[in-house]
Amino acid sequence: MASKGRSKIYTFLWYAKEAEEAARFYASIFPDSRVDSVTPMLSETPSGPPGSVKVVDFTLLGQRFQAMTAGPHHEFNDAISIRVDCDDQAELDRYWDALLAGGGKPQACGWLIDRFGLRWQVTPAVLDEMMRDKDPARAKRVSDAMLTMIKLDIGTLEKAYRS
């Protein structure tokens, strides 16, 4: 049965536990976000008895996601991340701090690991444009500056871009 108006392609996340808690956490951070449904699987599964596996449909910034709590399988790693482009430093700081809340870990170059183990990139929206500049020296100054940072600082990146 097809759902009209639903995304045909979207991100699916497998959590060993806490998919619903993670979805509620993410929805509390971003506008136009919500947990749409939590559906327990009523069948016996390799992950557990009926009702132990739950599928969580949620929306972040208007985009569909789906997650599942289904026991240990594979942990999240740096090969996949969710990127959030921010319009200004205040927005970047707000999302950075919120995603780190409760036990997240900052990484390098605007990356972090939230308390559920999911990787995020919290970046300035203008970063790609600056790094694609036709002047290779300008683009290199921006990437050199970015590579020295943990949380990205838009002012410092723009200064490197203009210098």
C-alpha atoms as a PDB file:
ATOM      1  CA  MET A   1       0.000   0.000   0.000  1.00  0.00           C
ATOM      2  CA  ALA A   2       1.575   3.289  -1.134  1.00  0.00           C
ATOM      3  CA  SER A   3       1.467   6.492   0.838  1.00  0.00           C
ATOM      4  CA  LYS A   4       0.916   9.581  -1.251  1.00  0.00           C
ATOM      5  CA  GLY A   5       3.123  12.512  -0.313  1.00  0.00           C
ATOM      6  CA  ARG A   6       5.675  10.305   1.503  1.00  0.00           C
ATOM      7  CA  SER A   7       9.337  10.233   0.540  1.00  0.00           C
ATOM      8  CA  LYS A   8      10.307   7.298  -1.634  1.00  0.00           C
ATOM      9  CA  ILE A   9      13.855   7.501  -0.328  1.00  0.00           C
ATOM     10  CA  TYR A  10      14.829   8.249   3.259  1.00  0.00           C
ATOM     11  CA  THR A  11      17.342   7.380   5.950  1.00  0.00           C
ATOM     12  CA  PHE A  12      16.815   4.246   8.035  1.00  0.00           C
ATOM     13  CA  LEU A  13      18.750   3.844  11.302  1.00  0.00           C
ATOM     14  CA  TRP A  14      19.173   0.585  13.263  1.00  0.00           C
ATOM     15  CA  TYR A  15      19.613   1.097  17.002  1.00  0.00           C
ATOM     16  CA  ALA A  16      20.501  -1.717  19.392  1.00  0.00           C
ATOM     17  CA  LYS A  17      18.156   0.029  21.833  1.00  0.00           C
ATOM     18  CA  GLU A  18      16.547   3.427  22.333  1.00  0.00           C
ATOM     19  CA  ALA A  19      15.418   4.252  18.778  1.00  0.00           C
ATOM     20  CA  GLU A  20      12.281   5.930  20.125  1.00  0.00           C
ATOM     21  CA  GLU A  21      14.273   7.895  22.716  1.00  0.00           C
ATOM     22  CA  ALA A  22      16.761   8.969  20.020  1.00  0.00           C
ATOM     23  CA  ALA A  23      13.971  10.092  17.663  1.00  0.00           C
ATOM     24  CA  ARG A  24      12.300  12.100  20.443  1.00  0.00           C
ATOM     25  CA  PHE A  25      15.671  13.662  21.336  1.00  0.00           C
ATOM     26  CA  TYR A  26      16.332  14.703  17.717  1.00  0.00           C
ATOM     27  CA  ALA A  27      12.770  16.003  17.269  1.00  0.00           C
ATOM     28  CA  SER A  28      13.198  18.187  20.376  1.00  0.00           C
ATOM     29  CA  ILE A  29      16.230  19.886  18.792  1.00  0.00           C
ATOM     30  CA  PHE A  30      15.074  20.779  15.281  1.00  0.00           C
ATOM     31  CA  PRO A  31      12.039  22.794  14.137  1.00  0.00           C
ATOM     32  CA  ASP A  32       9.434  21.093  11.911  1.00  0.00           C
ATOM     33  CA  SER A  33      10.303  17.802  13.632  1.00  0.00           C
ATOM     34  CA  ARG A  34       8.269  15.142  15.397  1.00  0.00           C
ATOM     35  CA  VAL A  35       7.893  11.451  16.135  1.00  0.00           C
ATOM     36  CA  ASP A  36       5.176  10.316  13.740  1.00  0.00           C
ATOM     37  CA  SER A  37       4.619   6.765  14.963  1.00  0.00           C
ATOM     38  CA  VAL A  38       6.071   3.925  16.994  1.00  0.00           C
ATOM     39  CA  THR A  39       5.081   0.478  15.759  1.00  0.00           C
ATOM     40  CA  PRO A  40       5.999  -2.670  17.686  1.00  0.00           C
ATOM     41  CA  MET A  41       6.545  -5.757  15.534  1.00  0.00           C
ATOM     42  CA  LEU A  42       4.042  -8.322  16.733  1.00  0.00           C
ATOM     43  CA  SER A  43       6.034 -11.279  15.423  1.00  0.00           C
ATOM     44  CA  GLU A  44       8.840 -13.261  16.992  1.00  0.00           C
ATOM     45  CA  THR A  45      12.065 -11.990  15.395  1.00  0.00           C
ATOM     46  CA  PRO A  46      15.751 -12.943  15.543  1.00  0.00           C
ATOM     47  CA  SER A  47      16.097  -9.841  17.767  1.00  0.00           C
ATOM     48  CA  GLY A  48      13.516 -10.864  20.345  1.00  0.00           C
ATOM     49  CA  PRO A  49       9.964 -11.752  21.295  1.00  0.00           C
ATOM     50  CA  PRO A  50       6.831 -10.079  19.898  1.00  0.00           C
ATOM     51  CA  GLY A  51       6.754  -6.380  20.785  1.00  0.00           C
ATOM     52  CA  SER A  52      10.488  -6.111  21.531  1.00  0.00           C
ATOM     53  CA  VAL A  53      11.376  -4.744  18.089  1.00  0.00           C
ATOM     54  CA  LYS A  54       9.947  -1.291  17.406  1.00  0.00           C
ATOM     55  CA  VAL A  55       9.919   0.756  14.215  1.00  0.00           C
ATOM     56  CA  VAL A  56       9.917   4.517  14.742  1.00  0.00           C
ATOM     57  CA  ASP A  57       8.858   6.900  11.982  1.00  0.00           C
ATOM     58  CA  PHE A  58       9.976  10.468  12.589  1.00  0.00           C
ATOM     59  CA  THR A  59      10.492  13.768  10.817  1.00  0.00           C
ATOM     60  CA  LEU A  60      13.488  16.092  11.197  1.00  0.00           C
ATOM     61  CA  LEU A  61      13.386  19.526   9.580  1.00  0.00           C
ATOM     62  CA  GLY A  62      10.526  18.274   7.422  1.00  0.00           C
ATOM     63  CA  GLN A  63      12.474  15.215   6.191  1.00  0.00           C
ATOM     64  CA  ARG A  64      11.343  11.641   6.800  1.00  0.00           C
ATOM     65  CA  PHE A  65      13.477   9.196   8.796  1.00  0.00           C
ATOM     66  CA  GLN A  66      12.823   5.725  10.133  1.00  0.00           C
ATOM     67  CA  ALA A  67      14.576   3.917  12.953  1.00  0.00           C
ATOM     68  CA  MET A  68      14.316   0.535  14.574  1.00  0.00           C
ATOM     69  CA  THR A  69      15.171  -0.787  17.997  1.00  0.00           C
ATOM     70  CA  ALA A  70      16.230  -4.343  17.292  1.00  0.00           C
ATOM     71  CA  GLY A  71      19.195  -5.298  19.427  1.00  0.00           C
ATOM     72  CA  PRO A  72      22.901  -5.296  18.612  1.00  0.00           C
ATOM     73  CA  HIS A  73      23.765  -5.672  14.953  1.00  0.00           C
ATOM     74  CA  HIS A  74      26.255  -3.102  13.678  1.00  0.00           C
ATOM     75  CA  GLU A  75      27.258   0.058  15.489  1.00  0.00           C
ATOM     76  CA  PHE A  76      27.111   3.446  13.807  1.00  0.00           C
ATOM     77  CA  ASN A  77      30.476   4.638  12.491  1.00  0.00           C
ATOM     78  CA  ASP A  78      32.036   7.533  10.599  1.00  0.00           C
ATOM     79  CA  ALA A  79      31.103   6.061   7.206  1.00  0.00           C
ATOM     80  CA  ILE A  80      27.606   7.570   7.530  1.00  0.00           C
ATOM     81  CA  SER A  81      26.649  10.849   9.171  1.00  0.00           C
ATOM     82  CA  ILE A  82      23.785  13.305   9.150  1.00  0.00           C
ATOM     83  CA  ARG A  83      24.817  16.783   8.056  1.00  0.00           C
ATOM     84  CA  VAL A  84      23.109  19.918   9.318  1.00  0.00           C
ATOM     85  CA  ASP A  85      23.861  23.110   7.356  1.00  0.00           C
ATOM     86  CA  CYS A  86      23.547  26.192   9.570  1.00  0.00           C
ATOM     87  CA  ASP A  87      22.856  29.750   8.424  1.00  0.00           C
ATOM     88  CA  ASP A  88      24.849  31.471  11.177  1.00  0.00           C
ATOM     89  CA  GLN A  89      27.044  30.823  14.195  1.00  0.00           C
ATOM     90  CA  ALA A  90      24.159  31.048  16.664  1.00  0.00           C
ATOM     91  CA  GLU A  91      22.302  28.262  14.844  1.00  0.00           C
ATOM     92  CA  LEU A  92      25.495  26.184  14.560  1.00  0.00           C
ATOM     93  CA  ASP A  93      26.240  26.621  18.282  1.00  0.00           C
ATOM     94  CA  ARG A  94      22.650  25.737  19.242  1.00  0.00           C
ATOM     95  CA  TYR A  95      22.601  22.478  17.250  1.00  0.00           C
ATOM     96  CA  TRP A  96      26.160  21.556  18.263  1.00  0.00           C
ATOM     97  CA  ASP A  97      25.415  21.987  21.962  1.00  0.00           C
ATOM     98  CA  ALA A  98      22.024  20.250  21.757  1.00  0.00           C
ATOM     99  CA  LEU A  99      23.369  17.201  19.917  1.00  0.00           C
ATOM    100  CA  LEU A 100      26.207  16.844  22.440  1.00  0.00           C
ATOM    101  CA  ALA A 101      23.824  17.026  25.413  1.00  0.00           C
ATOM    102  CA  GLY A 102      23.640  14.005  27.665  1.00  0.00           C
ATOM    103  CA  GLY A 103      26.936  12.386  26.750  1.00  0.00           C
ATOM    104  CA  GLY A 104      27.805  13.189  23.132  1.00  0.00           C
ATOM    105  CA  LYS A 105      31.429  13.517  22.043  1.00  0.00           C
ATOM    106  CA  PRO A 106      32.900  16.273  19.867  1.00  0.00           C
ATOM    107  CA  GLN A 107      35.139  15.096  17.049  1.00  0.00           C
ATOM    108  CA  ALA A 108      37.145  17.091  14.481  1.00  0.00           C
ATOM    109  CA  CYS A 109      36.120  19.410  11.642  1.00  0.00           C
ATOM    110  CA  GLY A 110      32.506  19.944  12.754  1.00  0.00           C
ATOM    111  CA  TRP A 111      31.751  16.275  13.440  1.00  0.00           C
ATOM    112  CA  LEU A 112      30.281  14.899  16.647  1.00  0.00           C
ATOM    113  CA  ILE A 113      28.902  11.654  18.000  1.00  0.00           C
ATOM    114  CA  ASP A 114      25.610  12.001  19.866  1.00  0.00           C
ATOM    115  CA  ARG A 115      24.826  10.023  23.014  1.00  0.00           C
ATOM    116  CA  PHE A 116      23.210   7.280  20.897  1.00  0.00           C
ATOM    117  CA  GLY A 117      26.366   6.831  18.790  1.00  0.00           C
ATOM    118  CA  LEU A 118      25.064   8.517  15.618  1.00  0.00           C
ATOM    119  CA  ARG A 119      27.524  10.756  13.748  1.00  0.00           C
ATOM    120  CA  TRP A 120      26.584  14.316  12.798  1.00  0.00           C
ATOM    121  CA  GLN A 121      28.280  17.081  10.850  1.00  0.00           C
ATOM    122  CA  VAL A 122      27.215  20.527  12.057  1.00  0.00           C
ATOM    123  CA  THR A 123      28.484  22.911   9.407  1.00  0.00           C
ATOM    124  CA  PRO A 124      28.046  26.446   8.085  1.00  0.00           C
ATOM    125  CA  ALA A 125      25.837  26.477   4.987  1.00  0.00           C
ATOM    126  CA  VAL A 126      28.487  28.593   3.189  1.00  0.00           C
ATOM    127  CA  LEU A 127      31.319  26.105   3.764  1.00  0.00           C
ATOM    128  CA  ASP A 128      30.867  24.154   0.516  1.00  0.00           C
ATOM    129  CA  GLU A 129      30.745  27.377  -1.508  1.00  0.00           C
ATOM    130  CA  MET A 130      33.973  28.647   0.099  1.00  0.00           C
ATOM    131  CA  MET A 131      35.746  25.312  -0.435  1.00  0.00           C
ATOM    132  CA  ARG A 132      34.659  25.209  -4.108  1.00  0.00           C
ATOM    133  CA  ASP A 133      35.989  28.704  -4.826  1.00  0.00           C
ATOM    134  CA  LYS A 134      37.673  28.977  -8.225  1.00  0.00           C
ATOM    135  CA  ASP A 135      40.767  30.419  -6.510  1.00  0.00           C
ATOM    136  CA  PRO A 136      42.569  27.311  -5.197  1.00  0.00           C
ATOM    137  CA  ALA A 137      44.605  29.360  -2.696  1.00  0.00           C
ATOM    138  CA  ARG A 138      41.400  30.761  -1.182  1.00  0.00           C
ATOM    139  CA  ALA A 139      39.770  27.323  -1.001  1.00  0.00           C
ATOM    140  CA  LYS A 140      42.928  25.873   0.580  1.00  0.00           C
ATOM    141  CA  ARG A 141      43.003  28.586   3.270  1.00  0.00           C
ATOM    142  CA  VAL A 142      39.426  27.677   4.211  1.00  0.00           C
ATOM    143  CA  SER A 143      40.091  23.939   4.323  1.00  0.00           C
ATOM    144  CA  ASP A 144      43.345  24.520   6.273  1.00  0.00           C
ATOM    145  CA  ALA A 145      41.408  26.588   8.834  1.00  0.00           C
ATOM    146  CA  MET A 146      38.618  24.001   9.052  1.00  0.00           C
ATOM    147  CA  LEU A 147      41.109  21.199   9.677  1.00  0.00           C
ATOM    148  CA  THR A 148      42.326  22.944  12.861  1.00  0.00           C
ATOM    149  CA  MET A 149      38.840  23.149  14.385  1.00  0.00           C
ATOM    150  CA  ILE A 150      36.621  20.902  16.475  1.00  0.00           C
ATOM    151  CA  LYS A 151      33.382  22.949  16.338  1.00  0.00           C
ATOM    152  CA  LEU A 152      33.437  25.083  13.200  1.00  0.00           C
ATOM    153  CA  ASP A 153      33.701  28.850  13.618  1.00  0.00           C
ATOM    154  CA  ILE A 154      32.148  30.765  10.738  1.00  0.00           C
ATOM    155  CA  GLY A 155      34.031  34.002  11.492  1.00  0.00           C
ATOM    156  CA  THR A 156      37.398  32.253  11.387  1.00  0.00           C
ATOM    157  CA  LEU A 157      36.482  30.431   8.176  1.00  0.00           C
ATOM    158  CA  GLU A 158      35.335  33.680   6.547  1.00  0.00           C
ATOM    159  CA  LYS A 159      38.527  35.450   7.672  1.00  0.00           C
ATOM    160  CA  ALA A 160      40.612  32.677   6.070  1.00  0.00           C
ATOM    161  CA  TYR A 161      38.485  32.968   2.926  1.00  0.00           C
ATOM    162  CA  ARG A 162      38.986  36.757   2.682  1.00  0.00           C
ATOM    163  CA  SER A 163      42.695  36.894   3.606  1.00  0.00           C
END
